[in-house]
């Protein structure tokens, strides 16, 4: 967060993060309850919590603006990459290709996304007013070690499960011949997105490992006003 923060900006950030915490908490608990009630049958997980995921995931696009205008000090690029990858899975795969909603990648990403967002928004909300307890800091910079690989695996499996359906139905594709002699195939783009995880995931994971070392070291640096540590 910026060094000089108005009371209105603080309240807005607190309210935004609290709403996201409650929303993701609802979605995550509902998802786990569904698995418990169905003895682990994950095939209807998306139909159970999909609407909540769509709403709160889409709401996260505001965070790119938060970074761009300096409301928080997080990297615009890293924030945009994280949110874009999620929105691609939601709007580019799960909504237009219903067959993907029953693949094993969906419960993986729902579990990872939900718990990661719960810890992230708890961290952000309590940090706004200097109420950040150590166990939330630890959770924020420890859970990702397992959750990020699980989430990425779920995303890649879900995208991969869509390829045949996208190809067969020519979803968002423009095959030849056409009047401008130009072909565009959405399945090719999705393959490129899958391969894009190879360079981007290690960078993001390495960034978070550095943040973990910074904030969980025996003698962490003390931030002025206690608010400058809101790192994405």
C-alpha atoms as a PDB file:
ATOM      1  CA  UNK A   1       0.000   0.000   0.000  1.00  0.00           C
ATOM      2  CA  UNK A   2       1.125   3.531  -0.598  1.00  0.00           C
ATOM      3  CA  UNK A   3       2.949   5.216   2.287  1.00  0.00           C
ATOM      4  CA  UNK A   4       0.301   7.935   2.535  1.00  0.00           C
ATOM      5  CA  UNK A   5      -3.132   6.354   2.525  1.00  0.00           C
ATOM      6  CA  UNK A   6      -6.383   8.185   3.100  1.00  0.00           C
ATOM      7  CA  UNK A   7      -9.006   6.856   5.482  1.00  0.00           C
ATOM      8  CA  UNK A   8     -11.327   6.338   2.526  1.00  0.00           C
ATOM      9  CA  UNK A   9      -8.766   4.264   0.622  1.00  0.00           C
ATOM     10  CA  UNK A  10      -8.089   2.142   3.684  1.00  0.00           C
ATOM     11  CA  UNK A  11     -11.784   1.503   4.234  1.00  0.00           C
ATOM     12  CA  UNK A  12     -12.266   0.606   0.572  1.00  0.00           C
ATOM     13  CA  UNK A  13      -9.389  -1.872   0.619  1.00  0.00           C
ATOM     14  CA  UNK A  14     -10.566  -3.402   3.875  1.00  0.00           C
ATOM     15  CA  UNK A  15     -14.131  -3.758   2.564  1.00  0.00           C
ATOM     16  CA  UNK A  16     -12.975  -5.182  -0.780  1.00  0.00           C
ATOM     17  CA  UNK A  17     -10.702  -7.756   0.843  1.00  0.00           C
ATOM     18  CA  UNK A  18     -13.326  -8.700   3.420  1.00  0.00           C
ATOM     19  CA  UNK A  19     -15.942  -9.263   0.710  1.00  0.00           C
ATOM     20  CA  UNK A  20     -13.494 -11.424  -1.236  1.00  0.00           C
ATOM     21  CA  UNK A  21     -12.556 -13.360   1.908  1.00  0.00           C
ATOM     22  CA  UNK A  22     -16.199 -14.098   2.698  1.00  0.00           C
ATOM     23  CA  UNK A  23     -16.997 -14.959  -0.919  1.00  0.00           C
ATOM     24  CA  UNK A  24     -14.112 -17.347  -1.410  1.00  0.00           C
ATOM     25  CA  UNK A  25     -14.743 -18.788   2.040  1.00  0.00           C
ATOM     26  CA  UNK A  26     -18.331 -19.560   1.082  1.00  0.00           C
ATOM     27  CA  UNK A  27     -17.264 -21.142  -2.210  1.00  0.00           C
ATOM     28  CA  UNK A  28     -14.480 -23.221  -0.650  1.00  0.00           C
ATOM     29  CA  UNK A  29     -16.556 -24.527   2.269  1.00  0.00           C
ATOM     30  CA  UNK A  30     -19.468 -25.303  -0.084  1.00  0.00           C
ATOM     31  CA  UNK A  31     -17.100 -27.206  -2.368  1.00  0.00           C
ATOM     32  CA  UNK A  32     -15.686 -29.263   0.513  1.00  0.00           C
ATOM     33  CA  UNK A  33     -19.183 -29.963   1.840  1.00  0.00           C
ATOM     34  CA  UNK A  34     -20.239 -31.143  -1.598  1.00  0.00           C
ATOM     35  CA  UNK A  35     -17.320 -33.588  -1.725  1.00  0.00           C
ATOM     36  CA  UNK A  36     -18.149 -34.849   1.761  1.00  0.00           C
ATOM     37  CA  UNK A  37     -21.849 -35.272   0.938  1.00  0.00           C
ATOM     38  CA  UNK A  38     -21.113 -37.153  -2.303  1.00  0.00           C
ATOM     39  CA  UNK A  39     -18.299 -39.349  -0.949  1.00  0.00           C
ATOM     40  CA  UNK A  40     -15.742 -37.531  -3.052  1.00  0.00           C
ATOM     41  CA  UNK A  41     -17.688 -37.391  -6.311  1.00  0.00           C
ATOM     42  CA  UNK A  42     -16.183 -34.262  -7.858  1.00  0.00           C
ATOM     43  CA  UNK A  43     -18.046 -34.329 -11.160  1.00  0.00           C
ATOM     44  CA  UNK A  44     -20.678 -31.814 -10.044  1.00  0.00           C
ATOM     45  CA  UNK A  45     -18.287 -29.580  -8.129  1.00  0.00           C
ATOM     46  CA  UNK A  46     -18.436 -26.822 -10.716  1.00  0.00           C
ATOM     47  CA  UNK A  47     -22.222 -26.845 -10.925  1.00  0.00           C
ATOM     48  CA  UNK A  48     -22.295 -26.495  -7.129  1.00  0.00           C
ATOM     49  CA  UNK A  49     -19.968 -23.488  -6.746  1.00  0.00           C
ATOM     50  CA  UNK A  50     -19.399 -22.268 -10.298  1.00  0.00           C
ATOM     51  CA  UNK A  51     -21.558 -19.137 -10.052  1.00  0.00           C
ATOM     52  CA  UNK A  52     -19.744 -17.973  -6.919  1.00  0.00           C
ATOM     53  CA  UNK A  53     -16.345 -18.644  -8.524  1.00  0.00           C
ATOM     54  CA  UNK A  54     -17.327 -16.710 -11.648  1.00  0.00           C
ATOM     55  CA  UNK A  55     -18.454 -13.676  -9.627  1.00  0.00           C
ATOM     56  CA  UNK A  56     -15.543 -13.418  -7.211  1.00  0.00           C
ATOM     57  CA  UNK A  57     -12.927 -14.343  -9.794  1.00  0.00           C
ATOM     58  CA  UNK A  58     -14.225 -11.665 -12.147  1.00  0.00           C
ATOM     59  CA  UNK A  59     -14.241  -9.158  -9.284  1.00  0.00           C
ATOM     60  CA  UNK A  60     -10.499  -9.728  -8.943  1.00  0.00           C
ATOM     61  CA  UNK A  61      -9.934  -7.785 -12.160  1.00  0.00           C
ATOM     62  CA  UNK A  62     -10.230  -4.692  -9.953  1.00  0.00           C
ATOM     63  CA  UNK A  63      -6.888  -5.644  -8.425  1.00  0.00           C
ATOM     64  CA  UNK A  64      -5.069  -4.831 -11.634  1.00  0.00           C
ATOM     65  CA  UNK A  65      -6.461  -1.304 -11.350  1.00  0.00           C
ATOM     66  CA  UNK A  66      -5.469  -1.190  -7.675  1.00  0.00           C
ATOM     67  CA  UNK A  67      -1.866  -1.829  -8.708  1.00  0.00           C
ATOM     68  CA  UNK A  68      -1.946   0.506 -11.693  1.00  0.00           C
ATOM     69  CA  UNK A  69      -3.124   3.535  -9.694  1.00  0.00           C
ATOM     70  CA  UNK A  70      -0.794   2.841  -6.769  1.00  0.00           C
ATOM     71  CA  UNK A  71      -3.467   1.847  -4.284  1.00  0.00           C
ATOM     72  CA  UNK A  72      -1.315  -1.193  -3.465  1.00  0.00           C
ATOM     73  CA  UNK A  73       2.397  -1.697  -4.283  1.00  0.00           C
ATOM     74  CA  UNK A  74       2.017  -5.068  -6.013  1.00  0.00           C
ATOM     75  CA  UNK A  75       3.404  -5.640  -9.494  1.00  0.00           C
ATOM     76  CA  UNK A  76       0.898  -4.839 -12.234  1.00  0.00           C
ATOM     77  CA  UNK A  77       2.422  -7.478 -14.523  1.00  0.00           C
ATOM     78  CA  UNK A  78       2.452 -10.298 -11.971  1.00  0.00           C
ATOM     79  CA  UNK A  79      -1.059  -9.441 -10.831  1.00  0.00           C
ATOM     80  CA  UNK A  80      -2.337  -9.294 -14.410  1.00  0.00           C
ATOM     81  CA  UNK A  81      -0.735 -12.649 -15.321  1.00  0.00           C
ATOM     82  CA  UNK A  82      -2.238 -14.366 -12.278  1.00  0.00           C
ATOM     83  CA  UNK A  83      -5.727 -13.008 -12.853  1.00  0.00           C
ATOM     84  CA  UNK A  84      -5.623 -13.486 -16.636  1.00  0.00           C
ATOM     85  CA  UNK A  85      -4.715 -17.162 -16.255  1.00  0.00           C
ATOM     86  CA  UNK A  86      -7.666 -17.679 -13.926  1.00  0.00           C
ATOM     87  CA  UNK A  87     -10.104 -15.772 -16.135  1.00  0.00           C
ATOM     88  CA  UNK A  88      -8.911 -17.757 -19.158  1.00  0.00           C
ATOM     89  CA  UNK A  89      -9.833 -20.986 -17.385  1.00  0.00           C
ATOM     90  CA  UNK A  90     -13.223 -19.646 -16.285  1.00  0.00           C
ATOM     91  CA  UNK A  91     -14.351 -17.727 -19.370  1.00  0.00           C
ATOM     92  CA  UNK A  92     -12.248 -19.450 -21.998  1.00  0.00           C
ATOM     93  CA  UNK A  93     -12.712 -23.066 -20.923  1.00  0.00           C
ATOM     94  CA  UNK A  94     -15.279 -23.888 -18.245  1.00  0.00           C
ATOM     95  CA  UNK A  95     -18.080 -21.700 -19.574  1.00  0.00           C
ATOM     96  CA  UNK A  96     -17.869 -22.370 -23.348  1.00  0.00           C
ATOM     97  CA  UNK A  97     -16.886 -26.060 -23.007  1.00  0.00           C
ATOM     98  CA  UNK A  98     -19.270 -27.734 -20.514  1.00  0.00           C
ATOM     99  CA  UNK A  99     -17.534 -31.111 -20.902  1.00  0.00           C
ATOM    100  CA  UNK A 100     -14.506 -29.779 -19.034  1.00  0.00           C
ATOM    101  CA  UNK A 101     -16.460 -29.225 -15.819  1.00  0.00           C
ATOM    102  CA  UNK A 102     -16.279 -32.899 -14.838  1.00  0.00           C
ATOM    103  CA  UNK A 103     -12.552 -33.440 -15.378  1.00  0.00           C
ATOM    104  CA  UNK A 104     -10.209 -34.131 -12.433  1.00  0.00           C
ATOM    105  CA  UNK A 105      -8.534 -30.757 -12.869  1.00  0.00           C
ATOM    106  CA  UNK A 106     -11.619 -28.884 -11.613  1.00  0.00           C
ATOM    107  CA  UNK A 107     -11.556 -30.096  -7.981  1.00  0.00           C
ATOM    108  CA  UNK A 108      -7.812 -29.503  -7.910  1.00  0.00           C
ATOM    109  CA  UNK A 109      -8.124 -25.882  -8.985  1.00  0.00           C
ATOM    110  CA  UNK A 110     -11.186 -25.271  -6.800  1.00  0.00           C
ATOM    111  CA  UNK A 111      -9.351 -26.548  -3.727  1.00  0.00           C
ATOM    112  CA  UNK A 112      -6.166 -24.612  -4.483  1.00  0.00           C
ATOM    113  CA  UNK A 113      -7.841 -21.390  -5.588  1.00  0.00           C
ATOM    114  CA  UNK A 114     -10.188 -21.357  -2.603  1.00  0.00           C
ATOM    115  CA  UNK A 115      -7.646 -21.919   0.160  1.00  0.00           C
ATOM    116  CA  UNK A 116      -5.063 -19.644  -1.460  1.00  0.00           C
ATOM    117  CA  UNK A 117      -7.578 -16.807  -1.708  1.00  0.00           C
ATOM    118  CA  UNK A 118      -8.801 -17.294   1.851  1.00  0.00           C
ATOM    119  CA  UNK A 119      -5.290 -16.826   3.226  1.00  0.00           C
ATOM    120  CA  UNK A 120      -4.460 -14.019   0.786  1.00  0.00           C
ATOM    121  CA  UNK A 121      -7.535 -11.915   1.548  1.00  0.00           C
ATOM    122  CA  UNK A 122      -7.277 -12.555   5.298  1.00  0.00           C
ATOM    123  CA  UNK A 123      -3.710 -11.240   5.033  1.00  0.00           C
ATOM    124  CA  UNK A 124      -4.719  -8.178   3.051  1.00  0.00           C
ATOM    125  CA  UNK A 125      -7.777  -7.283   5.147  1.00  0.00           C
ATOM    126  CA  UNK A 126      -6.027  -7.499   8.515  1.00  0.00           C
ATOM    127  CA  UNK A 127      -2.952  -5.693   7.186  1.00  0.00           C
ATOM    128  CA  UNK A 128      -4.914  -2.589   6.238  1.00  0.00           C
ATOM    129  CA  UNK A 129      -5.403  -1.583   9.872  1.00  0.00           C
ATOM    130  CA  UNK A 130      -2.230  -3.109  11.341  1.00  0.00           C
ATOM    131  CA  UNK A 131      -4.058  -6.113  12.780  1.00  0.00           C
ATOM    132  CA  UNK A 132      -2.004  -8.745  10.981  1.00  0.00           C
ATOM    133  CA  UNK A 133      -1.381 -11.821  13.185  1.00  0.00           C
ATOM    134  CA  UNK A 134       1.696 -13.943  12.587  1.00  0.00           C
ATOM    135  CA  UNK A 135      -0.207 -17.134  11.788  1.00  0.00           C
ATOM    136  CA  UNK A 136      -1.884 -15.412   8.812  1.00  0.00           C
ATOM    137  CA  UNK A 137       1.516 -14.196   7.590  1.00  0.00           C
ATOM    138  CA  UNK A 138       2.844 -17.744   7.922  1.00  0.00           C
ATOM    139  CA  UNK A 139      -0.161 -19.206   6.098  1.00  0.00           C
ATOM    140  CA  UNK A 140       0.072 -16.611   3.316  1.00  0.00           C
ATOM    141  CA  UNK A 141       3.718 -17.402   2.660  1.00  0.00           C
ATOM    142  CA  UNK A 142       3.643 -21.153   3.310  1.00  0.00           C
ATOM    143  CA  UNK A 143       0.432 -22.632   1.897  1.00  0.00           C
ATOM    144  CA  UNK A 144       1.377 -21.533  -1.637  1.00  0.00           C
ATOM    145  CA  UNK A 145       4.253 -24.036  -1.636  1.00  0.00           C
ATOM    146  CA  UNK A 146       1.695 -26.801  -2.091  1.00  0.00           C
ATOM    147  CA  UNK A 147      -1.300 -24.876  -3.415  1.00  0.00           C
ATOM    148  CA  UNK A 148       0.399 -23.257  -6.419  1.00  0.00           C
ATOM    149  CA  UNK A 149       1.494 -26.576  -7.980  1.00  0.00           C
ATOM    150  CA  UNK A 150      -1.945 -28.091  -7.278  1.00  0.00           C
ATOM    151  CA  UNK A 151      -3.710 -25.101  -8.817  1.00  0.00           C
ATOM    152  CA  UNK A 152      -1.500 -25.005 -11.889  1.00  0.00           C
ATOM    153  CA  UNK A 153      -1.963 -28.747 -12.391  1.00  0.00           C
ATOM    154  CA  UNK A 154      -5.715 -28.287 -12.189  1.00  0.00           C
ATOM    155  CA  UNK A 155      -5.656 -25.413 -14.666  1.00  0.00           C
ATOM    156  CA  UNK A 156      -3.478 -27.277 -17.179  1.00  0.00           C
ATOM    157  CA  UNK A 157      -5.604 -30.443 -16.942  1.00  0.00           C
ATOM    158  CA  UNK A 158      -8.773 -28.431 -17.437  1.00  0.00           C
ATOM    159  CA  UNK A 159      -7.391 -26.608 -20.475  1.00  0.00           C
ATOM    160  CA  UNK A 160      -6.072 -29.873 -21.911  1.00  0.00           C
ATOM    161  CA  UNK A 161      -9.464 -31.550 -21.453  1.00  0.00           C
ATOM    162  CA  UNK A 162     -11.040 -28.882 -23.656  1.00  0.00           C
ATOM    163  CA  UNK A 163      -8.815 -29.324 -26.707  1.00  0.00           C
ATOM    164  CA  UNK A 164     -10.742 -32.091 -28.442  1.00  0.00           C
ATOM    165  CA  UNK A 165     -14.114 -30.383 -27.927  1.00  0.00           C
ATOM    166  CA  UNK A 166     -12.792 -27.019 -29.083  1.00  0.00           C
ATOM    167  CA  UNK A 167     -11.305 -28.649 -32.174  1.00  0.00           C
ATOM    168  CA  UNK A 168     -14.373 -30.741 -33.021  1.00  0.00           C
ATOM    169  CA  UNK A 169     -16.827 -27.856 -32.641  1.00  0.00           C
ATOM    170  CA  UNK A 170     -14.474 -25.148 -33.921  1.00  0.00           C
ATOM    171  CA  UNK A 171     -15.192 -23.045 -30.840  1.00  0.00           C
ATOM    172  CA  UNK A 172     -13.949 -19.475 -31.344  1.00  0.00           C
ATOM    173  CA  UNK A 173     -12.075 -20.610 -34.449  1.00  0.00           C
ATOM    174  CA  UNK A 174     -12.018 -19.286 -37.997  1.00  0.00           C
ATOM    175  CA  UNK A 175     -11.075 -22.113 -40.354  1.00  0.00           C
ATOM    176  CA  UNK A 176     -10.112 -21.853 -43.981  1.00  0.00           C
ATOM    177  CA  UNK A 177     -11.381 -21.141 -46.542  1.00  0.00           C
ATOM    178  CA  UNK A 178     -12.749 -17.695 -45.795  1.00  0.00           C
ATOM    179  CA  UNK A 179     -12.939 -14.368 -47.588  1.00  0.00           C
ATOM    180  CA  UNK A 180      -9.680 -13.001 -46.161  1.00  0.00           C
ATOM    181  CA  UNK A 181      -7.663 -16.244 -46.455  1.00  0.00           C
ATOM    182  CA  UNK A 182      -6.761 -16.198 -42.769  1.00  0.00           C
ATOM    183  CA  UNK A 183      -7.244 -19.057 -40.319  1.00  0.00           C
ATOM    184  CA  UNK A 184      -7.417 -18.843 -36.530  1.00  0.00           C
ATOM    185  CA  UNK A 185      -7.749 -21.901 -34.312  1.00  0.00           C
ATOM    186  CA  UNK A 186      -8.605 -21.525 -30.649  1.00  0.00           C
ATOM    187  CA  UNK A 187      -7.221 -24.961 -29.796  1.00  0.00           C
ATOM    188  CA  UNK A 188      -3.791 -23.862 -31.047  1.00  0.00           C
ATOM    189  CA  UNK A 189      -3.976 -20.825 -28.774  1.00  0.00           C
ATOM    190  CA  UNK A 190      -4.897 -23.051 -25.834  1.00  0.00           C
ATOM    191  CA  UNK A 191      -1.889 -25.262 -26.544  1.00  0.00           C
ATOM    192  CA  UNK A 192       0.306 -22.153 -26.470  1.00  0.00           C
ATOM    193  CA  UNK A 193      -1.267 -21.165 -23.146  1.00  0.00           C
ATOM    194  CA  UNK A 194      -0.466 -24.591 -21.701  1.00  0.00           C
ATOM    195  CA  UNK A 195       3.162 -24.219 -22.742  1.00  0.00           C
ATOM    196  CA  UNK A 196       3.258 -20.672 -21.360  1.00  0.00           C
ATOM    197  CA  UNK A 197       3.067 -22.143 -17.866  1.00  0.00           C
ATOM    198  CA  UNK A 198       6.607 -23.470 -18.362  1.00  0.00           C
ATOM    199  CA  UNK A 199       8.308 -20.028 -18.207  1.00  0.00           C
ATOM    200  CA  UNK A 200       5.725 -18.173 -16.099  1.00  0.00           C
ATOM    201  CA  UNK A 201       5.131 -20.622 -13.260  1.00  0.00           C
ATOM    202  CA  UNK A 202       8.791 -20.880 -12.139  1.00  0.00           C
ATOM    203  CA  UNK A 203       9.061 -17.076 -12.138  1.00  0.00           C
ATOM    204  CA  UNK A 204       5.938 -16.651 -10.008  1.00  0.00           C
ATOM    205  CA  UNK A 205       6.910 -19.509  -7.713  1.00  0.00           C
ATOM    206  CA  UNK A 206      10.420 -18.136  -7.296  1.00  0.00           C
ATOM    207  CA  UNK A 207       9.010 -14.693  -6.547  1.00  0.00           C
ATOM    208  CA  UNK A 208       6.815 -16.130  -3.797  1.00  0.00           C
ATOM    209  CA  UNK A 209       9.726 -18.097  -2.338  1.00  0.00           C
ATOM    210  CA  UNK A 210      11.710 -14.863  -2.093  1.00  0.00           C
ATOM    211  CA  UNK A 211       8.758 -13.188  -0.401  1.00  0.00           C
ATOM    212  CA  UNK A 212       8.514 -16.092   2.029  1.00  0.00           C
ATOM    213  CA  UNK A 213      12.168 -15.724   2.966  1.00  0.00           C
ATOM    214  CA  UNK A 214      11.712 -11.974   3.376  1.00  0.00           C
ATOM    215  CA  UNK A 215       8.641 -12.103   5.598  1.00  0.00           C
ATOM    216  CA  UNK A 216       9.310 -15.281   7.570  1.00  0.00           C
ATOM    217  CA  UNK A 217      13.008 -14.770   8.214  1.00  0.00           C
ATOM    218  CA  UNK A 218      14.055 -14.631  11.914  1.00  0.00           C
ATOM    219  CA  UNK A 219      14.539 -10.868  11.721  1.00  0.00           C
ATOM    220  CA  UNK A 220      12.153  -9.549   9.061  1.00  0.00           C
ATOM    221  CA  UNK A 221      12.410  -5.908   8.043  1.00  0.00           C
ATOM    222  CA  UNK A 222       9.887  -3.638   9.729  1.00  0.00           C
ATOM    223  CA  UNK A 223       7.747  -1.743   7.219  1.00  0.00           C
ATOM    224  CA  UNK A 224       6.811   1.859   7.913  1.00  0.00           C
ATOM    225  CA  UNK A 225       3.152   2.178   8.926  1.00  0.00           C
ATOM    226  CA  UNK A 226       2.967  -1.615   8.775  1.00  0.00           C
ATOM    227  CA  UNK A 227       1.178  -1.416   5.450  1.00  0.00           C
ATOM    228  CA  UNK A 228       3.852  -1.578   2.777  1.00  0.00           C
ATOM    229  CA  UNK A 229       4.039  -5.370   2.862  1.00  0.00           C
ATOM    230  CA  UNK A 230       0.883  -5.932   0.851  1.00  0.00           C
ATOM    231  CA  UNK A 231       2.709  -7.879  -1.802  1.00  0.00           C
ATOM    232  CA  UNK A 232       0.733  -9.837  -4.316  1.00  0.00           C
END
